[in-house]
Amino acid sequence: MGHKEDLLAGAKKALFEKGYARTKARDIVALSGTNLGSIGYHYGSTEALMTAAMLSAMDDWGNAVFTALSSAGDDDEDPMVGFWRRIVDSITEYRALWLASVEVLIQAEHNPQLREQLADGIRQGRQGMAALLTGRPEDQLDEQTVRTIGSVQMALMSGVLTQWLADPATAPTPAEIVAGIRALTTPSTA
């Protein structure tokens, strides 16, 4: 790898270890084995490098989520429980990546390029979720399916993610999540 790639790798590592707001240029240099001048030369500023690191982390996050959710479940397991088990497993295995995805949202408020990339990632996420849940290829989905099934699934994932990041000891299990979803879709007889 060259200095530019080393800087990006160091910035991503700093992002996961310290977070966006607490990362300083010297942290990146220490983790990348480069020098302060190379940040300006390759990226223009530490902020531009951190934006590149966050965008790269978003790509990593999207790939990790897709891999986790598209893998086959156990034959004996309820498919919905298996789906949510893979999400929860991904949250616990890639905690730093999921935390970075939350920080991306906060930082995007003050960074138009990042906000645009985040919005594009959310649109892609809706489409991917709808494809996974319907079993149809993304290019065969109508906008209504993406905006309903995909959007609701993204909202559910965000809520579960928040609970697992904030308090994993009392966060809902995959079976509890599925029981809650099913209870919401079953009319009350009370």
C-alpha atoms as a PDB file:
ATOM      1  CA  MET A   1       0.000   0.000   0.000  1.00  0.00           C
ATOM      2  CA  GLY A   2       1.038   3.590  -0.568  1.00  0.00           C
ATOM      3  CA  HIS A   3       0.723   6.508   1.833  1.00  0.00           C
ATOM      4  CA  LYS A   4      -2.790   7.375   0.624  1.00  0.00           C
ATOM      5  CA  GLU A   5      -4.086   3.857   1.310  1.00  0.00           C
ATOM      6  CA  ASP A   6      -2.157   3.674   4.599  1.00  0.00           C
ATOM      7  CA  LEU A   7      -3.748   6.954   5.697  1.00  0.00           C
ATOM      8  CA  LEU A   8      -7.229   5.682   4.853  1.00  0.00           C
ATOM      9  CA  ALA A   9      -6.617   2.433   6.747  1.00  0.00           C
ATOM     10  CA  GLY A  10      -5.259   4.388   9.735  1.00  0.00           C
ATOM     11  CA  ALA A  11      -8.215   6.788   9.663  1.00  0.00           C
ATOM     12  CA  LYS A  12     -10.693   3.897   9.591  1.00  0.00           C
ATOM     13  CA  LYS A  13      -8.937   2.236  12.497  1.00  0.00           C
ATOM     14  CA  ALA A  14      -9.032   5.527  14.433  1.00  0.00           C
ATOM     15  CA  LEU A  15     -12.699   5.928  13.536  1.00  0.00           C
ATOM     16  CA  PHE A  16     -13.496   2.527  15.060  1.00  0.00           C
ATOM     17  CA  GLU A  17     -11.264   2.974  18.097  1.00  0.00           C
ATOM     18  CA  LYS A  18     -11.856   6.642  18.960  1.00  0.00           C
ATOM     19  CA  GLY A  19     -14.811   7.785  16.889  1.00  0.00           C
ATOM     20  CA  TYR A  20     -14.971  10.615  14.381  1.00  0.00           C
ATOM     21  CA  ALA A  21     -15.075  13.548  16.758  1.00  0.00           C
ATOM     22  CA  ARG A  22     -12.209  12.365  18.980  1.00  0.00           C
ATOM     23  CA  THR A  23      -9.788  11.418  16.181  1.00  0.00           C
ATOM     24  CA  LYS A  24      -6.903  13.814  15.627  1.00  0.00           C
ATOM     25  CA  ALA A  25      -4.420  13.957  12.751  1.00  0.00           C
ATOM     26  CA  ARG A  26      -1.685  12.626  15.027  1.00  0.00           C
ATOM     27  CA  ASP A  27      -3.821   9.551  15.834  1.00  0.00           C
ATOM     28  CA  ILE A  28      -4.150   8.780  12.143  1.00  0.00           C
ATOM     29  CA  VAL A  29      -0.431   9.265  11.543  1.00  0.00           C
ATOM     30  CA  ALA A  30       0.437   6.965  14.447  1.00  0.00           C
ATOM     31  CA  LEU A  31      -1.912   4.241  13.191  1.00  0.00           C
ATOM     32  CA  SER A  32      -0.899   4.566   9.546  1.00  0.00           C
ATOM     33  CA  GLY A  33       2.874   4.857   9.926  1.00  0.00           C
ATOM     34  CA  THR A  34       2.870   7.955   7.716  1.00  0.00           C
ATOM     35  CA  ASN A  35       3.489  11.639   8.460  1.00  0.00           C
ATOM     36  CA  LEU A  36       1.330  14.711   9.016  1.00  0.00           C
ATOM     37  CA  GLY A  37       2.256  16.269   5.681  1.00  0.00           C
ATOM     38  CA  SER A  38       0.894  13.281   3.764  1.00  0.00           C
ATOM     39  CA  ILE A  39      -2.642  13.980   5.016  1.00  0.00           C
ATOM     40  CA  GLY A  40      -2.682  17.376   3.321  1.00  0.00           C
ATOM     41  CA  TYR A  41      -0.933  16.062   0.224  1.00  0.00           C
ATOM     42  CA  HIS A  42      -3.309  13.138  -0.354  1.00  0.00           C
ATOM     43  CA  TYR A  43      -6.589  14.362   1.157  1.00  0.00           C
ATOM     44  CA  GLY A  44      -6.319  18.120   1.621  1.00  0.00           C
ATOM     45  CA  SER A  45      -7.323  18.023   5.293  1.00  0.00           C
ATOM     46  CA  THR A  46      -7.928  15.714   8.221  1.00  0.00           C
ATOM     47  CA  GLU A  47     -11.674  16.306   7.833  1.00  0.00           C
ATOM     48  CA  ALA A  48     -11.560  15.199   4.186  1.00  0.00           C
ATOM     49  CA  LEU A  49      -9.603  12.087   5.190  1.00  0.00           C
ATOM     50  CA  MET A  50     -12.085  11.286   7.957  1.00  0.00           C
ATOM     51  CA  THR A  51     -14.954  11.747   5.498  1.00  0.00           C
ATOM     52  CA  ALA A  52     -13.251   9.285   3.143  1.00  0.00           C
ATOM     53  CA  ALA A  53     -12.781   6.895   6.080  1.00  0.00           C
ATOM     54  CA  MET A  54     -16.456   7.165   7.026  1.00  0.00           C
ATOM     55  CA  LEU A  55     -17.552   6.565   3.438  1.00  0.00           C
ATOM     56  CA  SER A  56     -15.290   3.532   3.276  1.00  0.00           C
ATOM     57  CA  ALA A  57     -16.654   2.318   6.631  1.00  0.00           C
ATOM     58  CA  MET A  58     -20.193   2.727   5.264  1.00  0.00           C
ATOM     59  CA  ASP A  59     -19.256   0.477   2.351  1.00  0.00           C
ATOM     60  CA  ASP A  60     -17.778  -2.060   4.766  1.00  0.00           C
ATOM     61  CA  TRP A  61     -20.921  -1.857   6.902  1.00  0.00           C
ATOM     62  CA  GLY A  62     -23.172  -2.409   3.893  1.00  0.00           C
ATOM     63  CA  ASN A  63     -21.123  -5.405   2.792  1.00  0.00           C
ATOM     64  CA  ALA A  64     -21.112  -6.898   6.300  1.00  0.00           C
ATOM     65  CA  VAL A  65     -24.873  -6.483   6.633  1.00  0.00           C
ATOM     66  CA  PHE A  66     -25.526  -7.969   3.193  1.00  0.00           C
ATOM     67  CA  THR A  67     -23.265 -10.945   3.900  1.00  0.00           C
ATOM     68  CA  ALA A  68     -24.855 -11.565   7.291  1.00  0.00           C
ATOM     69  CA  LEU A  69     -28.420 -11.293   6.051  1.00  0.00           C
ATOM     70  CA  SER A  70     -28.045 -13.198   2.817  1.00  0.00           C
ATOM     71  CA  SER A  71     -26.421 -16.252   4.388  1.00  0.00           C
ATOM     72  CA  ALA A  72     -28.578 -19.314   4.767  1.00  0.00           C
ATOM     73  CA  GLY A  73     -30.164 -20.057   8.127  1.00  0.00           C
ATOM     74  CA  ASP A  74     -30.407 -23.350   9.955  1.00  0.00           C
ATOM     75  CA  ASP A  75     -32.972 -25.776   8.546  1.00  0.00           C
ATOM     76  CA  ASP A  76     -34.581 -26.253  11.969  1.00  0.00           C
ATOM     77  CA  GLU A  77     -34.834 -22.529  12.699  1.00  0.00           C
ATOM     78  CA  ASP A  78     -37.824 -20.311  11.991  1.00  0.00           C
ATOM     79  CA  PRO A  79     -36.633 -18.254   8.971  1.00  0.00           C
ATOM     80  CA  MET A  80     -37.628 -14.950  10.594  1.00  0.00           C
ATOM     81  CA  VAL A  81     -35.826 -15.809  13.813  1.00  0.00           C
ATOM     82  CA  GLY A  82     -32.787 -16.838  11.755  1.00  0.00           C
ATOM     83  CA  PHE A  83     -32.872 -13.538   9.892  1.00  0.00           C
ATOM     84  CA  TRP A  84     -32.917 -11.557  13.155  1.00  0.00           C
ATOM     85  CA  ARG A  85     -30.304 -13.835  14.716  1.00  0.00           C
ATOM     86  CA  ARG A  86     -27.967 -12.979  11.838  1.00  0.00           C
ATOM     87  CA  ILE A  87     -28.634  -9.265  12.375  1.00  0.00           C
ATOM     88  CA  VAL A  88     -27.929  -9.509  16.120  1.00  0.00           C
ATOM     89  CA  ASP A  89     -24.827 -11.643  15.469  1.00  0.00           C
ATOM     90  CA  SER A  90     -23.623  -8.975  13.044  1.00  0.00           C
ATOM     91  CA  ILE A  91     -24.180  -6.244  15.640  1.00  0.00           C
ATOM     92  CA  THR A  92     -22.146  -8.118  18.242  1.00  0.00           C
ATOM     93  CA  GLU A  93     -19.406  -9.235  15.830  1.00  0.00           C
ATOM     94  CA  TYR A  94     -19.001  -5.891  14.059  1.00  0.00           C
ATOM     95  CA  ARG A  95     -19.869  -3.557  16.936  1.00  0.00           C
ATOM     96  CA  ALA A  96     -17.278  -0.913  15.967  1.00  0.00           C
ATOM     97  CA  LEU A  97     -18.575  -0.884  12.409  1.00  0.00           C
ATOM     98  CA  TRP A  98     -22.189  -0.484  13.549  1.00  0.00           C
ATOM     99  CA  LEU A  99     -21.167   2.295  15.970  1.00  0.00           C
ATOM    100  CA  ALA A 100     -19.380   4.056  13.120  1.00  0.00           C
ATOM    101  CA  SER A 101     -22.580   3.844  11.069  1.00  0.00           C
ATOM    102  CA  VAL A 102     -24.422   5.689  13.852  1.00  0.00           C
ATOM    103  CA  GLU A 103     -21.712   8.334  14.034  1.00  0.00           C
ATOM    104  CA  VAL A 104     -21.963   8.787  10.255  1.00  0.00           C
ATOM    105  CA  LEU A 105     -25.530   9.974  10.726  1.00  0.00           C
ATOM    106  CA  ILE A 106     -24.505  12.607  13.258  1.00  0.00           C
ATOM    107  CA  GLN A 107     -21.549  13.838  11.210  1.00  0.00           C
ATOM    108  CA  ALA A 108     -23.625  13.953   8.013  1.00  0.00           C
ATOM    109  CA  GLU A 109     -25.655  16.815   9.454  1.00  0.00           C
ATOM    110  CA  HIS A 110     -22.624  19.076   8.966  1.00  0.00           C
ATOM    111  CA  ASN A 111     -21.082  17.468   5.888  1.00  0.00           C
ATOM    112  CA  PRO A 112     -23.119  17.658   2.631  1.00  0.00           C
ATOM    113  CA  GLN A 113     -20.974  15.082   0.812  1.00  0.00           C
ATOM    114  CA  LEU A 114     -21.346  12.592   3.633  1.00  0.00           C
ATOM    115  CA  ARG A 115     -25.077  13.317   3.904  1.00  0.00           C
ATOM    116  CA  GLU A 116     -25.552  12.633   0.189  1.00  0.00           C
ATOM    117  CA  GLN A 117     -23.619   9.360   0.466  1.00  0.00           C
ATOM    118  CA  LEU A 118     -25.615   8.359   3.543  1.00  0.00           C
ATOM    119  CA  ALA A 119     -28.914   9.102   1.788  1.00  0.00           C
ATOM    120  CA  ASP A 120     -27.793   7.010  -1.182  1.00  0.00           C
ATOM    121  CA  GLY A 121     -26.785   4.185   1.158  1.00  0.00           C
ATOM    122  CA  ILE A 122     -30.177   4.281   2.857  1.00  0.00           C
ATOM    123  CA  ARG A 123     -31.944   4.103  -0.503  1.00  0.00           C
ATOM    124  CA  GLN A 124     -29.805   1.119  -1.457  1.00  0.00           C
ATOM    125  CA  GLY A 125     -30.433  -0.435   1.951  1.00  0.00           C
ATOM    126  CA  ARG A 126     -34.207  -0.175   1.524  1.00  0.00           C
ATOM    127  CA  GLN A 127     -33.974  -1.862  -1.838  1.00  0.00           C
ATOM    128  CA  GLY A 128     -31.651  -4.572  -0.535  1.00  0.00           C
ATOM    129  CA  MET A 129     -33.876  -5.267   2.469  1.00  0.00           C
ATOM    130  CA  ALA A 130     -36.956  -5.493   0.257  1.00  0.00           C
ATOM    131  CA  ALA A 131     -35.147  -7.901  -2.074  1.00  0.00           C
ATOM    132  CA  LEU A 132     -33.990 -10.106   0.806  1.00  0.00           C
ATOM    133  CA  LEU A 133     -37.430 -10.214   2.401  1.00  0.00           C
ATOM    134  CA  THR A 134     -39.402 -10.810  -0.793  1.00  0.00           C
ATOM    135  CA  GLY A 135     -36.889 -13.132  -2.443  1.00  0.00           C
ATOM    136  CA  ARG A 136     -37.024 -11.037  -5.616  1.00  0.00           C
ATOM    137  CA  PRO A 137     -34.069  -9.487  -7.432  1.00  0.00           C
ATOM    138  CA  GLU A 138     -33.618  -5.775  -6.732  1.00  0.00           C
ATOM    139  CA  ASP A 139     -34.206  -4.824 -10.366  1.00  0.00           C
ATOM    140  CA  GLN A 140     -37.641  -6.490 -10.237  1.00  0.00           C
ATOM    141  CA  LEU A 141     -38.933  -4.555  -7.251  1.00  0.00           C
ATOM    142  CA  ASP A 142     -41.480  -1.792  -7.652  1.00  0.00           C
ATOM    143  CA  GLU A 143     -41.051   1.465  -5.738  1.00  0.00           C
ATOM    144  CA  GLN A 144     -44.026   0.702  -3.447  1.00  0.00           C
ATOM    145  CA  THR A 145     -42.406  -2.528  -2.216  1.00  0.00           C
ATOM    146  CA  VAL A 146     -39.105  -0.765  -1.590  1.00  0.00           C
ATOM    147  CA  ARG A 147     -40.783   2.133   0.243  1.00  0.00           C
ATOM    148  CA  THR A 148     -42.955  -0.130   2.399  1.00  0.00           C
ATOM    149  CA  ILE A 149     -41.171  -3.418   3.115  1.00  0.00           C
ATOM    150  CA  GLY A 150     -37.661  -1.989   2.736  1.00  0.00           C
ATOM    151  CA  SER A 151     -38.357   1.145   4.789  1.00  0.00           C
ATOM    152  CA  VAL A 152     -40.058  -0.695   7.637  1.00  0.00           C
ATOM    153  CA  GLN A 153     -37.288  -3.295   7.789  1.00  0.00           C
ATOM    154  CA  MET A 154     -34.673  -0.527   7.930  1.00  0.00           C
ATOM    155  CA  ALA A 155     -36.634   1.157  10.741  1.00  0.00           C
ATOM    156  CA  LEU A 156     -36.847  -2.093  12.693  1.00  0.00           C
ATOM    157  CA  MET A 157     -33.128  -2.712  12.239  1.00  0.00           C
ATOM    158  CA  SER A 158     -32.286   0.808  13.433  1.00  0.00           C
ATOM    159  CA  GLY A 159     -34.337   0.344  16.582  1.00  0.00           C
ATOM    160  CA  VAL A 160     -32.880  -3.066  17.357  1.00  0.00           C
ATOM    161  CA  LEU A 161     -29.393  -1.726  16.654  1.00  0.00           C
ATOM    162  CA  THR A 162     -29.891   1.133  19.092  1.00  0.00           C
ATOM    163  CA  GLN A 163     -31.019  -1.243  21.819  1.00  0.00           C
ATOM    164  CA  TRP A 164     -28.132  -3.656  21.243  1.00  0.00           C
ATOM    165  CA  LEU A 165     -25.529  -0.881  21.195  1.00  0.00           C
ATOM    166  CA  ALA A 166     -26.898   0.897  24.280  1.00  0.00           C
ATOM    167  CA  ASP A 167     -27.773  -2.068  26.488  1.00  0.00           C
ATOM    168  CA  PRO A 168     -26.964  -5.511  25.089  1.00  0.00           C
ATOM    169  CA  ALA A 169     -27.795  -7.202  28.407  1.00  0.00           C
ATOM    170  CA  THR A 170     -31.505  -6.352  28.074  1.00  0.00           C
ATOM    171  CA  ALA A 171     -31.826  -5.975  24.294  1.00  0.00           C
ATOM    172  CA  PRO A 172     -34.477  -8.188  22.693  1.00  0.00           C
ATOM    173  CA  THR A 173     -33.499 -11.632  21.485  1.00  0.00           C
ATOM    174  CA  PRO A 174     -34.216 -12.646  17.893  1.00  0.00           C
ATOM    175  CA  ALA A 175     -37.182 -14.746  19.081  1.00  0.00           C
ATOM    176  CA  GLU A 176     -38.579 -11.773  21.045  1.00  0.00           C
ATOM    177  CA  ILE A 177     -38.200  -9.483  18.022  1.00  0.00           C
ATOM    178  CA  VAL A 178     -40.114 -11.926  15.837  1.00  0.00           C
ATOM    179  CA  ALA A 179     -42.806 -12.427  18.503  1.00  0.00           C
ATOM    180  CA  GLY A 180     -43.211  -8.629  18.655  1.00  0.00           C
ATOM    181  CA  ILE A 181     -43.453  -8.313  14.866  1.00  0.00           C
ATOM    182  CA  ARG A 182     -46.045 -11.073  14.726  1.00  0.00           C
ATOM    183  CA  ALA A 183     -48.033  -9.526  17.585  1.00  0.00           C
ATOM    184  CA  LEU A 184     -48.116  -6.212  15.720  1.00  0.00           C
ATOM    185  CA  THR A 185     -49.501  -7.891  12.609  1.00  0.00           C
ATOM    186  CA  THR A 186     -52.154  -9.905  14.418  1.00  0.00           C
ATOM    187  CA  PRO A 187     -55.351  -8.016  15.258  1.00  0.00           C
ATOM    188  CA  SER A 188     -56.028  -7.752  18.972  1.00  0.00           C
ATOM    189  CA  THR A 189     -59.065  -9.611  20.253  1.00  0.00           C
ATOM    190  CA  ALA A 190     -59.243  -7.579  23.460  1.00  0.00           C
END
